[in-house]
């Protein structure tokens, strides 16, 4: 989990936290006010691992261009993998670098609520907040600022190569990590199918972050996946893992999420429940469409 919000404690008291509705937090395509801090040390070691399950960010291809999200933005892990563009509000802080337009980060961790500060904790309740790596924070402002006013918006994720599936577990329990997801970036539903499956596609359940589980036995079979991303479209990735796949290995699909941007749809009226489809359970963003 992210930490490091102790920086510049006096400054924390002088800036009013920003609160937005669930729809705005998930769907924000236009610049939306928020705040940002940094965590994990200057070398970024403390940003490895995290609540999305990606583990070593360098090995997964995310590097230091990442952020931990407040409770409102994190949405129980369904925002993991989404990309945000963030800019410092130089009109409100002398610490912003005016020469830096913005940074783009991938959501890879959770910034936990602070129970000791129920009324002004930066990652509590309905507040949006970004806990950045030192490298991203200091691209926007000098690190002594501790906390800065920012604006953010969702943007498509540009990833190299195909979507990746890391298979963990045992013959009776499959635990799949999805990473390097392009386009919408966040995965909200997964199905898997062994080549010898007579029951067709098997729905998977979110275990935590971007870890997905099911109990179907698929050892000795090639495996295909259906992936539904945050804007609602489902992509099929055939024969991602060969018959000889092994637990603990990562398999990369030959393609990635390829979605187009619809500037006329701000996503504010869309609802998507990560486990059950379009039933209006959780407020969710379906922003891009082909």
C-alpha atoms as a PDB file:
ATOM      1  CA  UNK A   1       0.000   0.000   0.000  1.00  0.00           C
ATOM      2  CA  UNK A   2       1.104   3.546  -0.604  1.00  0.00           C
ATOM      3  CA  UNK A   3       2.526   5.604   2.184  1.00  0.00           C
ATOM      4  CA  UNK A   4       4.464   8.808   2.474  1.00  0.00           C
ATOM      5  CA  UNK A   5       1.599  11.214   3.034  1.00  0.00           C
ATOM      6  CA  UNK A   6       3.422  12.556   6.087  1.00  0.00           C
ATOM      7  CA  UNK A   7       5.376  14.954   3.888  1.00  0.00           C
ATOM      8  CA  UNK A   8       4.963  18.647   4.591  1.00  0.00           C
ATOM      9  CA  UNK A   9       2.330  18.152   7.282  1.00  0.00           C
ATOM     10  CA  UNK A  10       1.797  21.871   7.674  1.00  0.00           C
ATOM     11  CA  UNK A  11       0.979  22.185   3.987  1.00  0.00           C
ATOM     12  CA  UNK A  12      -1.632  19.436   4.264  1.00  0.00           C
ATOM     13  CA  UNK A  13      -3.626  21.660   6.578  1.00  0.00           C
ATOM     14  CA  UNK A  14      -3.546  24.665   4.305  1.00  0.00           C
ATOM     15  CA  UNK A  15      -5.100  23.210   1.156  1.00  0.00           C
ATOM     16  CA  UNK A  16      -8.755  22.182   1.020  1.00  0.00           C
ATOM     17  CA  UNK A  17      -9.279  18.593  -0.242  1.00  0.00           C
ATOM     18  CA  UNK A  18     -11.257  18.100  -3.446  1.00  0.00           C
ATOM     19  CA  UNK A  19     -14.359  15.878  -3.500  1.00  0.00           C
ATOM     20  CA  UNK A  20     -16.185  14.751  -6.638  1.00  0.00           C
ATOM     21  CA  UNK A  21     -19.001  12.332  -7.431  1.00  0.00           C
ATOM     22  CA  UNK A  22     -18.348   8.730  -8.414  1.00  0.00           C
ATOM     23  CA  UNK A  23     -19.287   9.400 -12.029  1.00  0.00           C
ATOM     24  CA  UNK A  24     -16.836  12.303 -12.316  1.00  0.00           C
ATOM     25  CA  UNK A  25     -14.039  10.391 -10.605  1.00  0.00           C
ATOM     26  CA  UNK A  26     -14.246   7.417 -12.942  1.00  0.00           C
ATOM     27  CA  UNK A  27     -15.212   9.169 -16.144  1.00  0.00           C
ATOM     28  CA  UNK A  28     -13.290  12.436 -16.013  1.00  0.00           C
ATOM     29  CA  UNK A  29     -12.225  13.157 -19.588  1.00  0.00           C
ATOM     30  CA  UNK A  30     -12.009  16.869 -18.947  1.00  0.00           C
ATOM     31  CA  UNK A  31      -9.518  18.392 -16.531  1.00  0.00           C
ATOM     32  CA  UNK A  32     -10.698  17.800 -12.961  1.00  0.00           C
ATOM     33  CA  UNK A  33      -9.264  19.329  -9.790  1.00  0.00           C
ATOM     34  CA  UNK A  34      -7.435  17.127  -7.309  1.00  0.00           C
ATOM     35  CA  UNK A  35      -4.141  16.962  -5.367  1.00  0.00           C
ATOM     36  CA  UNK A  36      -0.994  14.866  -5.472  1.00  0.00           C
ATOM     37  CA  UNK A  37       1.784  13.734  -3.138  1.00  0.00           C
ATOM     38  CA  UNK A  38       4.675  11.313  -3.615  1.00  0.00           C
ATOM     39  CA  UNK A  39       5.749   8.090  -1.892  1.00  0.00           C
ATOM     40  CA  UNK A  40       8.115   5.158  -2.123  1.00  0.00           C
ATOM     41  CA  UNK A  41      11.478   6.886  -1.698  1.00  0.00           C
ATOM     42  CA  UNK A  42      13.592   8.691  -4.250  1.00  0.00           C
ATOM     43  CA  UNK A  43      14.624   5.386  -5.850  1.00  0.00           C
ATOM     44  CA  UNK A  44      11.004   4.246  -6.159  1.00  0.00           C
ATOM     45  CA  UNK A  45      11.668   1.000  -4.268  1.00  0.00           C
ATOM     46  CA  UNK A  46       8.624   1.551  -2.069  1.00  0.00           C
ATOM     47  CA  UNK A  47       6.302   1.672  -5.080  1.00  0.00           C
ATOM     48  CA  UNK A  48       7.001  -1.932  -6.063  1.00  0.00           C
ATOM     49  CA  UNK A  49       4.311  -4.490  -5.313  1.00  0.00           C
ATOM     50  CA  UNK A  50       1.098  -2.751  -4.402  1.00  0.00           C
ATOM     51  CA  UNK A  51      -2.617  -3.403  -4.300  1.00  0.00           C
ATOM     52  CA  UNK A  52      -3.059  -4.101  -8.022  1.00  0.00           C
ATOM     53  CA  UNK A  53      -0.839  -7.197  -7.964  1.00  0.00           C
ATOM     54  CA  UNK A  54       1.676  -6.112 -10.596  1.00  0.00           C
ATOM     55  CA  UNK A  55       4.709  -6.781  -8.403  1.00  0.00           C
ATOM     56  CA  UNK A  56       7.923  -5.406  -9.882  1.00  0.00           C
ATOM     57  CA  UNK A  57       6.853  -2.359 -11.901  1.00  0.00           C
ATOM     58  CA  UNK A  58      10.029  -2.385 -13.957  1.00  0.00           C
ATOM     59  CA  UNK A  59       9.568  -6.024 -14.955  1.00  0.00           C
ATOM     60  CA  UNK A  60       5.921  -5.353 -15.889  1.00  0.00           C
ATOM     61  CA  UNK A  61       6.880  -2.407 -18.061  1.00  0.00           C
ATOM     62  CA  UNK A  62       5.314   0.327 -15.928  1.00  0.00           C
ATOM     63  CA  UNK A  63       8.552   1.635 -14.453  1.00  0.00           C
ATOM     64  CA  UNK A  64       8.228   4.808 -12.392  1.00  0.00           C
ATOM     65  CA  UNK A  65       5.315   6.238 -14.395  1.00  0.00           C
ATOM     66  CA  UNK A  66       2.767   5.058 -11.850  1.00  0.00           C
ATOM     67  CA  UNK A  67       0.424   6.290  -9.141  1.00  0.00           C
ATOM     68  CA  UNK A  68      -1.459   5.048  -6.095  1.00  0.00           C
ATOM     69  CA  UNK A  69      -5.113   6.105  -6.084  1.00  0.00           C
ATOM     70  CA  UNK A  70      -7.421   7.241  -3.301  1.00  0.00           C
ATOM     71  CA  UNK A  71     -10.377   5.047  -2.333  1.00  0.00           C
ATOM     72  CA  UNK A  72     -12.786   6.863  -4.645  1.00  0.00           C
ATOM     73  CA  UNK A  73     -10.581   6.430  -7.687  1.00  0.00           C
ATOM     74  CA  UNK A  74      -9.320   2.932  -6.855  1.00  0.00           C
ATOM     75  CA  UNK A  75     -12.834   1.446  -6.824  1.00  0.00           C
ATOM     76  CA  UNK A  76     -11.869  -1.881  -5.222  1.00  0.00           C
ATOM     77  CA  UNK A  77      -9.133  -2.436  -7.786  1.00  0.00           C
ATOM     78  CA  UNK A  78     -11.244  -2.081 -10.907  1.00  0.00           C
ATOM     79  CA  UNK A  79      -9.309   1.071 -11.874  1.00  0.00           C
ATOM     80  CA  UNK A  80      -5.974  -0.761 -11.805  1.00  0.00           C
ATOM     81  CA  UNK A  81      -4.242  -0.345 -15.148  1.00  0.00           C
ATOM     82  CA  UNK A  82      -6.093   2.833 -16.128  1.00  0.00           C
ATOM     83  CA  UNK A  83      -4.041   5.806 -17.310  1.00  0.00           C
ATOM     84  CA  UNK A  84      -4.314   9.372 -16.085  1.00  0.00           C
ATOM     85  CA  UNK A  85      -2.797  12.576 -17.365  1.00  0.00           C
ATOM     86  CA  UNK A  86      -1.882  14.921 -14.513  1.00  0.00           C
ATOM     87  CA  UNK A  87      -0.738  18.529 -14.532  1.00  0.00           C
ATOM     88  CA  UNK A  88       0.285  20.847 -11.716  1.00  0.00           C
ATOM     89  CA  UNK A  89      -1.834  23.963 -11.163  1.00  0.00           C
ATOM     90  CA  UNK A  90       0.892  26.580 -11.310  1.00  0.00           C
ATOM     91  CA  UNK A  91      -1.659  29.337 -10.710  1.00  0.00           C
ATOM     92  CA  UNK A  92      -2.197  27.928  -7.205  1.00  0.00           C
ATOM     93  CA  UNK A  93       1.286  26.774  -6.224  1.00  0.00           C
ATOM     94  CA  UNK A  94       4.696  28.387  -6.505  1.00  0.00           C
ATOM     95  CA  UNK A  95       6.255  24.914  -6.433  1.00  0.00           C
ATOM     96  CA  UNK A  96       4.978  23.846  -9.866  1.00  0.00           C
ATOM     97  CA  UNK A  97       7.401  23.736 -12.761  1.00  0.00           C
ATOM     98  CA  UNK A  98       5.880  25.950 -15.404  1.00  0.00           C
ATOM     99  CA  UNK A  99       7.931  24.241 -18.118  1.00  0.00           C
ATOM    100  CA  UNK A 100       6.266  20.839 -17.541  1.00  0.00           C
ATOM    101  CA  UNK A 101       2.952  20.453 -19.320  1.00  0.00           C
ATOM    102  CA  UNK A 102       1.848  17.145 -17.757  1.00  0.00           C
ATOM    103  CA  UNK A 103       2.726  13.524 -16.974  1.00  0.00           C
ATOM    104  CA  UNK A 104       0.858  10.326 -17.838  1.00  0.00           C
ATOM    105  CA  UNK A 105       0.770   7.598 -15.196  1.00  0.00           C
ATOM    106  CA  UNK A 106      -0.746   4.139 -14.833  1.00  0.00           C
ATOM    107  CA  UNK A 107      -2.773   3.258 -11.736  1.00  0.00           C
ATOM    108  CA  UNK A 108      -0.849   0.494  -9.956  1.00  0.00           C
ATOM    109  CA  UNK A 109      -1.514   0.905  -6.237  1.00  0.00           C
ATOM    110  CA  UNK A 110      -3.939   2.021  -3.545  1.00  0.00           C
ATOM    111  CA  UNK A 111      -3.575   5.056  -1.298  1.00  0.00           C
ATOM    112  CA  UNK A 112      -5.376   3.948   1.892  1.00  0.00           C
ATOM    113  CA  UNK A 113      -7.706   6.088   3.927  1.00  0.00           C
ATOM    114  CA  UNK A 114      -6.316   7.478   7.172  1.00  0.00           C
ATOM    115  CA  UNK A 115      -8.681   6.571  10.047  1.00  0.00           C
ATOM    116  CA  UNK A 116      -6.903   9.039  12.317  1.00  0.00           C
ATOM    117  CA  UNK A 117      -7.912  11.923  10.063  1.00  0.00           C
ATOM    118  CA  UNK A 118     -11.535  11.150   9.122  1.00  0.00           C
ATOM    119  CA  UNK A 119     -12.360  14.721   8.128  1.00  0.00           C
ATOM    120  CA  UNK A 120      -9.265  15.732   6.167  1.00  0.00           C
ATOM    121  CA  UNK A 121      -7.407  12.562   5.155  1.00  0.00           C
ATOM    122  CA  UNK A 122      -6.315  13.007   1.557  1.00  0.00           C
ATOM    123  CA  UNK A 123      -7.262   9.521   0.407  1.00  0.00           C
ATOM    124  CA  UNK A 124     -10.444   9.240   2.475  1.00  0.00           C
ATOM    125  CA  UNK A 125     -14.060   9.020   1.405  1.00  0.00           C
ATOM    126  CA  UNK A 126     -15.154  10.847  -1.718  1.00  0.00           C
ATOM    127  CA  UNK A 127     -11.857  12.629  -2.294  1.00  0.00           C
ATOM    128  CA  UNK A 128      -9.729  12.032  -5.333  1.00  0.00           C
ATOM    129  CA  UNK A 129      -5.991  11.945  -4.743  1.00  0.00           C
ATOM    130  CA  UNK A 130      -2.852  10.714  -6.511  1.00  0.00           C
ATOM    131  CA  UNK A 131       0.197   9.451  -4.633  1.00  0.00           C
ATOM    132  CA  UNK A 132       2.882   9.621  -7.316  1.00  0.00           C
ATOM    133  CA  UNK A 133       6.361   8.207  -7.543  1.00  0.00           C
ATOM    134  CA  UNK A 134       9.147  10.622  -6.697  1.00  0.00           C
ATOM    135  CA  UNK A 135      10.123  10.726 -10.373  1.00  0.00           C
ATOM    136  CA  UNK A 136       6.644  11.757 -11.513  1.00  0.00           C
ATOM    137  CA  UNK A 137       6.092  14.241  -8.692  1.00  0.00           C
ATOM    138  CA  UNK A 138       9.404  15.992  -9.292  1.00  0.00           C
ATOM    139  CA  UNK A 139       8.642  16.226 -12.993  1.00  0.00           C
ATOM    140  CA  UNK A 140       5.701  18.428 -12.031  1.00  0.00           C
ATOM    141  CA  UNK A 141       7.072  20.285  -8.991  1.00  0.00           C
ATOM    142  CA  UNK A 142       9.946  20.489  -6.518  1.00  0.00           C
ATOM    143  CA  UNK A 143       9.768  17.637  -4.031  1.00  0.00           C
ATOM    144  CA  UNK A 144       9.882  19.948  -0.986  1.00  0.00           C
ATOM    145  CA  UNK A 145       6.312  20.977  -1.816  1.00  0.00           C
ATOM    146  CA  UNK A 146       5.080  17.706  -0.323  1.00  0.00           C
ATOM    147  CA  UNK A 147       1.619  18.168  -1.791  1.00  0.00           C
ATOM    148  CA  UNK A 148       0.505  20.092  -4.865  1.00  0.00           C
ATOM    149  CA  UNK A 149      -2.802  21.086  -6.442  1.00  0.00           C
ATOM    150  CA  UNK A 150      -3.282  19.261  -9.743  1.00  0.00           C
ATOM    151  CA  UNK A 151      -5.771  18.567 -12.459  1.00  0.00           C
ATOM    152  CA  UNK A 152      -6.268  15.101 -13.942  1.00  0.00           C
ATOM    153  CA  UNK A 153      -8.143  13.365 -16.725  1.00  0.00           C
ATOM    154  CA  UNK A 154      -8.432   9.816 -18.032  1.00  0.00           C
ATOM    155  CA  UNK A 155      -6.520   9.074 -21.220  1.00  0.00           C
ATOM    156  CA  UNK A 156      -6.006   5.935 -23.329  1.00  0.00           C
ATOM    157  CA  UNK A 157      -3.045   3.784 -22.306  1.00  0.00           C
ATOM    158  CA  UNK A 158      -0.295   3.394 -24.893  1.00  0.00           C
ATOM    159  CA  UNK A 159       1.435   0.063 -24.264  1.00  0.00           C
ATOM    160  CA  UNK A 160       4.048  -1.792 -26.290  1.00  0.00           C
ATOM    161  CA  UNK A 161       3.305  -5.369 -27.311  1.00  0.00           C
ATOM    162  CA  UNK A 162       0.305  -7.466 -26.403  1.00  0.00           C
ATOM    163  CA  UNK A 163      -1.755  -7.844 -23.259  1.00  0.00           C
ATOM    164  CA  UNK A 164       0.004 -10.170 -20.800  1.00  0.00           C
ATOM    165  CA  UNK A 165      -1.361 -13.022 -18.696  1.00  0.00           C
ATOM    166  CA  UNK A 166       0.656 -14.359 -15.760  1.00  0.00           C
ATOM    167  CA  UNK A 167      -0.625 -17.767 -14.631  1.00  0.00           C
ATOM    168  CA  UNK A 168      -0.291 -18.682 -10.951  1.00  0.00           C
ATOM    169  CA  UNK A 169      -2.021 -21.204  -8.709  1.00  0.00           C
ATOM    170  CA  UNK A 170      -2.243 -24.992  -8.927  1.00  0.00           C
ATOM    171  CA  UNK A 171      -4.046 -27.555 -11.136  1.00  0.00           C
ATOM    172  CA  UNK A 172      -7.327 -26.924  -9.302  1.00  0.00           C
ATOM    173  CA  UNK A 173      -7.034 -23.173  -8.841  1.00  0.00           C
ATOM    174  CA  UNK A 174      -6.048 -20.626 -11.481  1.00  0.00           C
ATOM    175  CA  UNK A 175      -4.959 -17.140 -10.463  1.00  0.00           C
ATOM    176  CA  UNK A 176      -4.339 -14.915 -13.487  1.00  0.00           C
ATOM    177  CA  UNK A 177      -2.690 -11.494 -13.432  1.00  0.00           C
ATOM    178  CA  UNK A 178      -3.511  -9.227 -16.376  1.00  0.00           C
ATOM    179  CA  UNK A 179      -0.983  -6.521 -17.207  1.00  0.00           C
ATOM    180  CA  UNK A 180       0.218  -4.267 -20.034  1.00  0.00           C
ATOM    181  CA  UNK A 181      -3.370  -3.541 -21.054  1.00  0.00           C
ATOM    182  CA  UNK A 182      -3.681  -0.814 -23.679  1.00  0.00           C
ATOM    183  CA  UNK A 183      -6.568   1.508 -24.467  1.00  0.00           C
ATOM    184  CA  UNK A 184      -8.926   1.718 -21.526  1.00  0.00           C
ATOM    185  CA  UNK A 185      -6.254  -0.012 -19.434  1.00  0.00           C
ATOM    186  CA  UNK A 186      -8.512  -1.305 -16.668  1.00  0.00           C
ATOM    187  CA  UNK A 187     -10.043  -4.779 -16.862  1.00  0.00           C
ATOM    188  CA  UNK A 188     -13.472  -5.330 -15.298  1.00  0.00           C
ATOM    189  CA  UNK A 189     -14.354  -8.863 -16.400  1.00  0.00           C
ATOM    190  CA  UNK A 190     -12.412 -11.958 -17.530  1.00  0.00           C
ATOM    191  CA  UNK A 191     -13.401 -15.348 -18.950  1.00  0.00           C
ATOM    192  CA  UNK A 192     -11.093 -18.243 -19.772  1.00  0.00           C
ATOM    193  CA  UNK A 193     -11.402 -21.389 -21.868  1.00  0.00           C
ATOM    194  CA  UNK A 194      -9.243 -24.470 -22.214  1.00  0.00           C
ATOM    195  CA  UNK A 195      -9.072 -25.995 -25.687  1.00  0.00           C
ATOM    196  CA  UNK A 196     -10.866 -29.152 -24.452  1.00  0.00           C
ATOM    197  CA  UNK A 197     -13.539 -27.316 -22.514  1.00  0.00           C
ATOM    198  CA  UNK A 198     -17.059 -28.641 -23.146  1.00  0.00           C
ATOM    199  CA  UNK A 199     -18.684 -26.014 -20.978  1.00  0.00           C
ATOM    200  CA  UNK A 200     -17.450 -23.080 -23.051  1.00  0.00           C
ATOM    201  CA  UNK A 201     -16.185 -19.874 -21.523  1.00  0.00           C
ATOM    202  CA  UNK A 202     -15.735 -19.906 -17.741  1.00  0.00           C
ATOM    203  CA  UNK A 203     -16.281 -16.587 -15.896  1.00  0.00           C
ATOM    204  CA  UNK A 204     -13.464 -15.596 -13.573  1.00  0.00           C
ATOM    205  CA  UNK A 205     -13.852 -13.700 -10.309  1.00  0.00           C
ATOM    206  CA  UNK A 206     -11.715 -10.780  -9.209  1.00  0.00           C
ATOM    207  CA  UNK A 207      -9.495 -12.022  -6.391  1.00  0.00           C
ATOM    208  CA  UNK A 208      -7.801  -8.665  -5.722  1.00  0.00           C
ATOM    209  CA  UNK A 209      -6.480  -5.848  -7.885  1.00  0.00           C
ATOM    210  CA  UNK A 210      -5.981  -7.273 -11.365  1.00  0.00           C
ATOM    211  CA  UNK A 211      -5.763 -10.861 -10.111  1.00  0.00           C
ATOM    212  CA  UNK A 212      -8.572 -13.066 -11.433  1.00  0.00           C
ATOM    213  CA  UNK A 213      -9.449 -16.576 -10.242  1.00  0.00           C
ATOM    214  CA  UNK A 214     -11.396 -19.692 -11.194  1.00  0.00           C
ATOM    215  CA  UNK A 215     -11.301 -23.389 -10.280  1.00  0.00           C
ATOM    216  CA  UNK A 216     -11.486 -24.897 -13.767  1.00  0.00           C
ATOM    217  CA  UNK A 217      -8.779 -27.444 -14.515  1.00  0.00           C
ATOM    218  CA  UNK A 218      -6.941 -26.505 -17.716  1.00  0.00           C
ATOM    219  CA  UNK A 219      -3.515 -28.102 -17.293  1.00  0.00           C
ATOM    220  CA  UNK A 220      -2.236 -29.648 -20.506  1.00  0.00           C
ATOM    221  CA  UNK A 221      -4.538 -27.468 -22.609  1.00  0.00           C
ATOM    222  CA  UNK A 222      -3.944 -24.281 -24.535  1.00  0.00           C
ATOM    223  CA  UNK A 223      -5.821 -21.380 -22.946  1.00  0.00           C
ATOM    224  CA  UNK A 224      -7.796 -18.518 -24.481  1.00  0.00           C
ATOM    225  CA  UNK A 225      -9.226 -15.471 -22.722  1.00  0.00           C
ATOM    226  CA  UNK A 226     -12.080 -13.020 -23.131  1.00  0.00           C
ATOM    227  CA  UNK A 227     -11.359  -9.656 -21.529  1.00  0.00           C
ATOM    228  CA  UNK A 228     -13.850  -6.865 -20.918  1.00  0.00           C
ATOM    229  CA  UNK A 229     -12.249  -3.492 -20.332  1.00  0.00           C
ATOM    230  CA  UNK A 230     -13.587  -0.438 -18.531  1.00  0.00           C
ATOM    231  CA  UNK A 231     -15.544   1.059 -21.392  1.00  0.00           C
ATOM    232  CA  UNK A 232     -17.529  -2.164 -21.883  1.00  0.00           C
ATOM    233  CA  UNK A 233     -16.126  -3.810 -25.006  1.00  0.00           C
ATOM    234  CA  UNK A 234     -14.967  -7.419 -24.879  1.00  0.00           C
ATOM    235  CA  UNK A 235     -11.847  -8.642 -26.680  1.00  0.00           C
ATOM    236  CA  UNK A 236     -10.996 -12.298 -27.339  1.00  0.00           C
ATOM    237  CA  UNK A 237      -7.383 -13.469 -27.195  1.00  0.00           C
ATOM    238  CA  UNK A 238      -7.101 -16.948 -28.654  1.00  0.00           C
ATOM    239  CA  UNK A 239      -4.517 -19.542 -27.592  1.00  0.00           C
ATOM    240  CA  UNK A 240      -2.511 -17.150 -25.458  1.00  0.00           C
ATOM    241  CA  UNK A 241      -0.908 -19.972 -23.466  1.00  0.00           C
ATOM    242  CA  UNK A 242       0.206 -23.142 -25.324  1.00  0.00           C
ATOM    243  CA  UNK A 243      -0.441 -26.689 -24.097  1.00  0.00           C
ATOM    244  CA  UNK A 244       2.958 -26.666 -22.440  1.00  0.00           C
ATOM    245  CA  UNK A 245       2.246 -23.613 -20.263  1.00  0.00           C
ATOM    246  CA  UNK A 246       3.588 -23.608 -16.710  1.00  0.00           C
ATOM    247  CA  UNK A 247       2.484 -21.961 -13.486  1.00  0.00           C
ATOM    248  CA  UNK A 248       4.500 -18.862 -12.684  1.00  0.00           C
ATOM    249  CA  UNK A 249       5.023 -17.947 -16.339  1.00  0.00           C
ATOM    250  CA  UNK A 250       3.777 -14.901 -18.266  1.00  0.00           C
ATOM    251  CA  UNK A 251       2.273 -15.260 -21.733  1.00  0.00           C
ATOM    252  CA  UNK A 252       1.834 -12.319 -24.090  1.00  0.00           C
ATOM    253  CA  UNK A 253      -1.003 -12.159 -26.602  1.00  0.00           C
ATOM    254  CA  UNK A 254      -0.237 -11.240 -30.204  1.00  0.00           C
ATOM    255  CA  UNK A 255      -2.458  -8.161 -29.903  1.00  0.00           C
ATOM    256  CA  UNK A 256      -3.711  -5.659 -27.351  1.00  0.00           C
ATOM    257  CA  UNK A 257      -6.853  -3.682 -26.603  1.00  0.00           C
ATOM    258  CA  UNK A 258      -7.392  -1.494 -29.660  1.00  0.00           C
ATOM    259  CA  UNK A 259     -10.120   1.016 -28.987  1.00  0.00           C
ATOM    260  CA  UNK A 260     -10.922   4.379 -30.491  1.00  0.00           C
ATOM    261  CA  UNK A 261     -11.575   7.625 -28.665  1.00  0.00           C
ATOM    262  CA  UNK A 262     -15.038   9.129 -28.740  1.00  0.00           C
ATOM    263  CA  UNK A 263     -14.747  12.758 -27.724  1.00  0.00           C
ATOM    264  CA  UNK A 264     -18.528  13.177 -27.748  1.00  0.00           C
ATOM    265  CA  UNK A 265     -19.051  10.674 -24.936  1.00  0.00           C
ATOM    266  CA  UNK A 266     -17.831  11.827 -21.523  1.00  0.00           C
ATOM    267  CA  UNK A 267     -18.825   8.516 -19.900  1.00  0.00           C
ATOM    268  CA  UNK A 268     -20.747  10.221 -17.087  1.00  0.00           C
ATOM    269  CA  UNK A 269     -23.972   8.263 -17.650  1.00  0.00           C
ATOM    270  CA  UNK A 270     -22.405   4.827 -18.022  1.00  0.00           C
ATOM    271  CA  UNK A 271     -22.657   2.062 -15.437  1.00  0.00           C
ATOM    272  CA  UNK A 272     -20.726  -1.173 -15.372  1.00  0.00           C
ATOM    273  CA  UNK A 273     -20.502  -3.819 -12.671  1.00  0.00           C
ATOM    274  CA  UNK A 274     -17.165  -5.606 -12.874  1.00  0.00           C
ATOM    275  CA  UNK A 275     -18.579  -9.001 -11.891  1.00  0.00           C
ATOM    276  CA  UNK A 276     -22.083  -9.080 -13.321  1.00  0.00           C
ATOM    277  CA  UNK A 277     -22.208  -6.948 -16.465  1.00  0.00           C
ATOM    278  CA  UNK A 278     -24.524  -4.065 -17.235  1.00  0.00           C
ATOM    279  CA  UNK A 279     -26.782  -4.237 -14.222  1.00  0.00           C
ATOM    280  CA  UNK A 280     -26.081  -0.819 -12.754  1.00  0.00           C
ATOM    281  CA  UNK A 281     -24.314  -2.220  -9.694  1.00  0.00           C
ATOM    282  CA  UNK A 282     -21.179  -0.060  -9.635  1.00  0.00           C
ATOM    283  CA  UNK A 283     -20.819   3.275 -11.344  1.00  0.00           C
ATOM    284  CA  UNK A 284     -18.276   2.652 -14.072  1.00  0.00           C
ATOM    285  CA  UNK A 285     -16.842   4.221 -17.148  1.00  0.00           C
ATOM    286  CA  UNK A 286     -17.378   2.836 -20.641  1.00  0.00           C
ATOM    287  CA  UNK A 287     -15.768   5.803 -22.306  1.00  0.00           C
ATOM    288  CA  UNK A 288     -14.252   4.528 -25.574  1.00  0.00           C
ATOM    289  CA  UNK A 289     -16.061   2.697 -28.339  1.00  0.00           C
ATOM    290  CA  UNK A 290     -15.107   1.310 -31.736  1.00  0.00           C
END
